[in-house]
Amino acid sequence: MGLLNNLKAKLNPAKDKVSGLAQQHGDRITHGLDKAAKVVDEKTKGKYSDKIHTGTGKAKGAMDRLAHKDGTGTAGGTTAPPSSTPPAS
């Protein structure tokens, strides 16, 4: 287990740096992912649109997890409920 612990210790600073960059440039990364997905979708003439959309969503989710590594997670209840209900028709 010593090798695994050494590897984790050496990779932790890189993970922190990537997390900081994801926090700083999250909007640019998201824009780049959308742009790349659009180009690929056009080149494949929409044949793989569903797979491209799924992959883009997963990439954005991974980027969000990197950017928000403060330990709150989804179990912390970070999303607030809506302040009011929609009007009835």
C-alpha atoms as a PDB file:
ATOM      1  CA  MET A   1       0.000   0.000   0.000  1.00  0.00           C
ATOM      2  CA  GLY A   2       2.983   2.311   0.284  1.00  0.00           C
ATOM      3  CA  LEU A   3       3.147   2.754  -3.481  1.00  0.00           C
ATOM      4  CA  LEU A   4      -0.517   3.751  -3.710  1.00  0.00           C
ATOM      5  CA  ASN A   5      -0.160   6.254  -0.877  1.00  0.00           C
ATOM      6  CA  ASN A   6       2.924   7.769  -2.513  1.00  0.00           C
ATOM      7  CA  LEU A   7       1.076   8.076  -5.812  1.00  0.00           C
ATOM      8  CA  LYS A   8      -1.895   9.783  -4.166  1.00  0.00           C
ATOM      9  CA  ALA A   9       0.407  12.200  -2.344  1.00  0.00           C
ATOM     10  CA  LYS A  10       2.151  13.148  -5.582  1.00  0.00           C
ATOM     11  CA  LEU A  11      -1.073  13.587  -7.565  1.00  0.00           C
ATOM     12  CA  ASN A  12      -2.924  15.657  -4.946  1.00  0.00           C
ATOM     13  CA  PRO A  13      -1.230  18.987  -5.875  1.00  0.00           C
ATOM     14  CA  ALA A  14      -2.095  18.415  -9.537  1.00  0.00           C
ATOM     15  CA  LYS A  15      -5.716  17.712  -8.608  1.00  0.00           C
ATOM     16  CA  ASP A  16      -5.847  20.935  -6.595  1.00  0.00           C
ATOM     17  CA  LYS A  17      -4.432  22.911  -9.516  1.00  0.00           C
ATOM     18  CA  VAL A  18      -6.920  21.403 -11.979  1.00  0.00           C
ATOM     19  CA  SER A  19      -9.741  22.156  -9.561  1.00  0.00           C
ATOM     20  CA  GLY A  20      -8.680  25.798  -9.311  1.00  0.00           C
ATOM     21  CA  LEU A  21      -8.480  26.117 -13.080  1.00  0.00           C
ATOM     22  CA  ALA A  22     -11.931  24.560 -13.451  1.00  0.00           C
ATOM     23  CA  GLN A  23     -13.318  27.100 -10.981  1.00  0.00           C
ATOM     24  CA  GLN A  24     -11.684  30.032 -12.787  1.00  0.00           C
ATOM     25  CA  HIS A  25     -12.470  28.999 -16.345  1.00  0.00           C
ATOM     26  CA  GLY A  26     -15.655  26.942 -15.986  1.00  0.00           C
ATOM     27  CA  ASP A  27     -17.645  29.102 -18.398  1.00  0.00           C
ATOM     28  CA  ARG A  28     -14.926  28.932 -21.060  1.00  0.00           C
ATOM     29  CA  ILE A  29     -14.651  25.159 -20.672  1.00  0.00           C
ATOM     30  CA  THR A  30     -18.422  24.744 -20.983  1.00  0.00           C
ATOM     31  CA  HIS A  31     -18.466  26.957 -24.073  1.00  0.00           C
ATOM     32  CA  GLY A  32     -15.644  24.900 -25.607  1.00  0.00           C
ATOM     33  CA  LEU A  33     -17.462  21.639 -24.925  1.00  0.00           C
ATOM     34  CA  ASP A  34     -20.629  22.989 -26.556  1.00  0.00           C
ATOM     35  CA  LYS A  35     -18.694  24.274 -29.556  1.00  0.00           C
ATOM     36  CA  ALA A  36     -16.850  20.968 -30.025  1.00  0.00           C
ATOM     37  CA  ALA A  37     -20.103  19.007 -29.699  1.00  0.00           C
ATOM     38  CA  LYS A  38     -21.744  21.204 -32.337  1.00  0.00           C
ATOM     39  CA  VAL A  39     -18.857  20.723 -34.793  1.00  0.00           C
ATOM     40  CA  VAL A  40     -18.801  16.955 -34.311  1.00  0.00           C
ATOM     41  CA  ASP A  41     -22.587  16.777 -34.651  1.00  0.00           C
ATOM     42  CA  GLU A  42     -22.427  18.723 -37.916  1.00  0.00           C
ATOM     43  CA  LYS A  43     -19.587  16.562 -39.278  1.00  0.00           C
ATOM     44  CA  THR A  44     -21.531  13.360 -38.528  1.00  0.00           C
ATOM     45  CA  LYS A  45     -24.733  14.913 -39.958  1.00  0.00           C
ATOM     46  CA  GLY A  46     -26.659  14.289 -36.742  1.00  0.00           C
ATOM     47  CA  LYS A  47     -26.150  10.532 -36.848  1.00  0.00           C
ATOM     48  CA  TYR A  48     -24.720  10.419 -33.316  1.00  0.00           C
ATOM     49  CA  SER A  49     -26.543  13.401 -31.776  1.00  0.00           C
ATOM     50  CA  ASP A  50     -27.809  11.469 -28.763  1.00  0.00           C
ATOM     51  CA  LYS A  51     -24.368  10.048 -27.985  1.00  0.00           C
ATOM     52  CA  ILE A  52     -22.704  13.445 -28.451  1.00  0.00           C
ATOM     53  CA  HIS A  53     -25.258  15.070 -26.161  1.00  0.00           C
ATOM     54  CA  THR A  54     -24.749  12.371 -23.511  1.00  0.00           C
ATOM     55  CA  GLY A  55     -20.964  12.655 -23.678  1.00  0.00           C
ATOM     56  CA  THR A  56     -21.074  16.435 -23.470  1.00  0.00           C
ATOM     57  CA  GLY A  57     -23.335  16.235 -20.422  1.00  0.00           C
ATOM     58  CA  LYS A  58     -20.990  13.797 -18.700  1.00  0.00           C
ATOM     59  CA  ALA A  59     -17.979  15.983 -19.463  1.00  0.00           C
ATOM     60  CA  LYS A  60     -19.753  19.037 -18.028  1.00  0.00           C
ATOM     61  CA  GLY A  61     -20.709  17.034 -14.933  1.00  0.00           C
ATOM     62  CA  ALA A  62     -17.119  15.940 -14.405  1.00  0.00           C
ATOM     63  CA  MET A  63     -15.929  19.518 -14.812  1.00  0.00           C
ATOM     64  CA  ASP A  64     -18.501  20.698 -12.269  1.00  0.00           C
ATOM     65  CA  ARG A  65     -17.359  18.031  -9.794  1.00  0.00           C
ATOM     66  CA  LEU A  66     -13.772  19.187 -10.197  1.00  0.00           C
ATOM     67  CA  ALA A  67     -14.702  22.836  -9.776  1.00  0.00           C
ATOM     68  CA  HIS A  68     -16.757  22.277  -6.615  1.00  0.00           C
ATOM     69  CA  LYS A  69     -14.562  19.950  -4.609  1.00  0.00           C
ATOM     70  CA  ASP A  70     -15.235  21.738  -1.312  1.00  0.00           C
ATOM     71  CA  GLY A  71     -16.742  18.546   0.124  1.00  0.00           C
ATOM     72  CA  THR A  72     -20.378  19.599   0.240  1.00  0.00           C
ATOM     73  CA  GLY A  73     -21.470  17.008  -2.327  1.00  0.00           C
ATOM     74  CA  THR A  74     -25.071  16.276  -3.218  1.00  0.00           C
ATOM     75  CA  ALA A  75     -25.948  14.829   0.184  1.00  0.00           C
ATOM     76  CA  GLY A  76     -25.470  18.216   1.813  1.00  0.00           C
ATOM     77  CA  GLY A  77     -28.686  19.602   0.350  1.00  0.00           C
ATOM     78  CA  THR A  78     -27.059  22.493  -1.466  1.00  0.00           C
ATOM     79  CA  THR A  79     -30.041  23.133  -3.727  1.00  0.00           C
ATOM     80  CA  ALA A  80     -32.792  25.261  -2.249  1.00  0.00           C
ATOM     81  CA  PRO A  81     -36.453  24.475  -2.918  1.00  0.00           C
ATOM     82  CA  PRO A  82     -38.382  26.909  -5.122  1.00  0.00           C
ATOM     83  CA  SER A  83     -39.525  29.983  -3.224  1.00  0.00           C
ATOM     84  CA  SER A  84     -43.055  29.866  -4.600  1.00  0.00           C
ATOM     85  CA  THR A  85     -45.279  27.511  -6.491  1.00  0.00           C
ATOM     86  CA  PRO A  86     -46.157  28.217 -10.107  1.00  0.00           C
ATOM     87  CA  PRO A  87     -49.549  29.851 -10.666  1.00  0.00           C
ATOM     88  CA  ALA A  88     -52.427  27.489 -11.417  1.00  0.00           C
ATOM     89  CA  SER A  89     -54.053  27.739 -14.827  1.00  0.00           C
END
